[in-house]
Amino acid sequence: MESVGVSLSGRVEIILNDQGNRITPSYVAFLEDGSRLIGDAAKNQITMNPTNTVFDVKRIIGRSWDDDMLAKDIKNFPFKKYASLL
């Protein structure tokens, strides 16, 4: 989950996403027509499109490809096609 904020008059104001939420799930879905969905929209369609919906990428960032835990995580991800891109 991610959020974005700006400093206004000494206070942090969290910006709402396109769904009106203060936090956005870290999901990206790749659709058959070549378009992409992000955040809530991607998460909401994961049951219909699990192999083309990427999530939990923060578990991968900064880890070595020969890391045993990373290999275990990747094996359990439904988005095999995109694991090599991460």
Foldseek 3Di string as FASTA:
>chain_A
DDWDWDADPNDTDIDADPVRDRGFAQKWFQDPVRDIDGTPVLVVCCVVGQQRMDHPCVVVPPDDPPDPVVVVVQVPGSNVVCPVVD
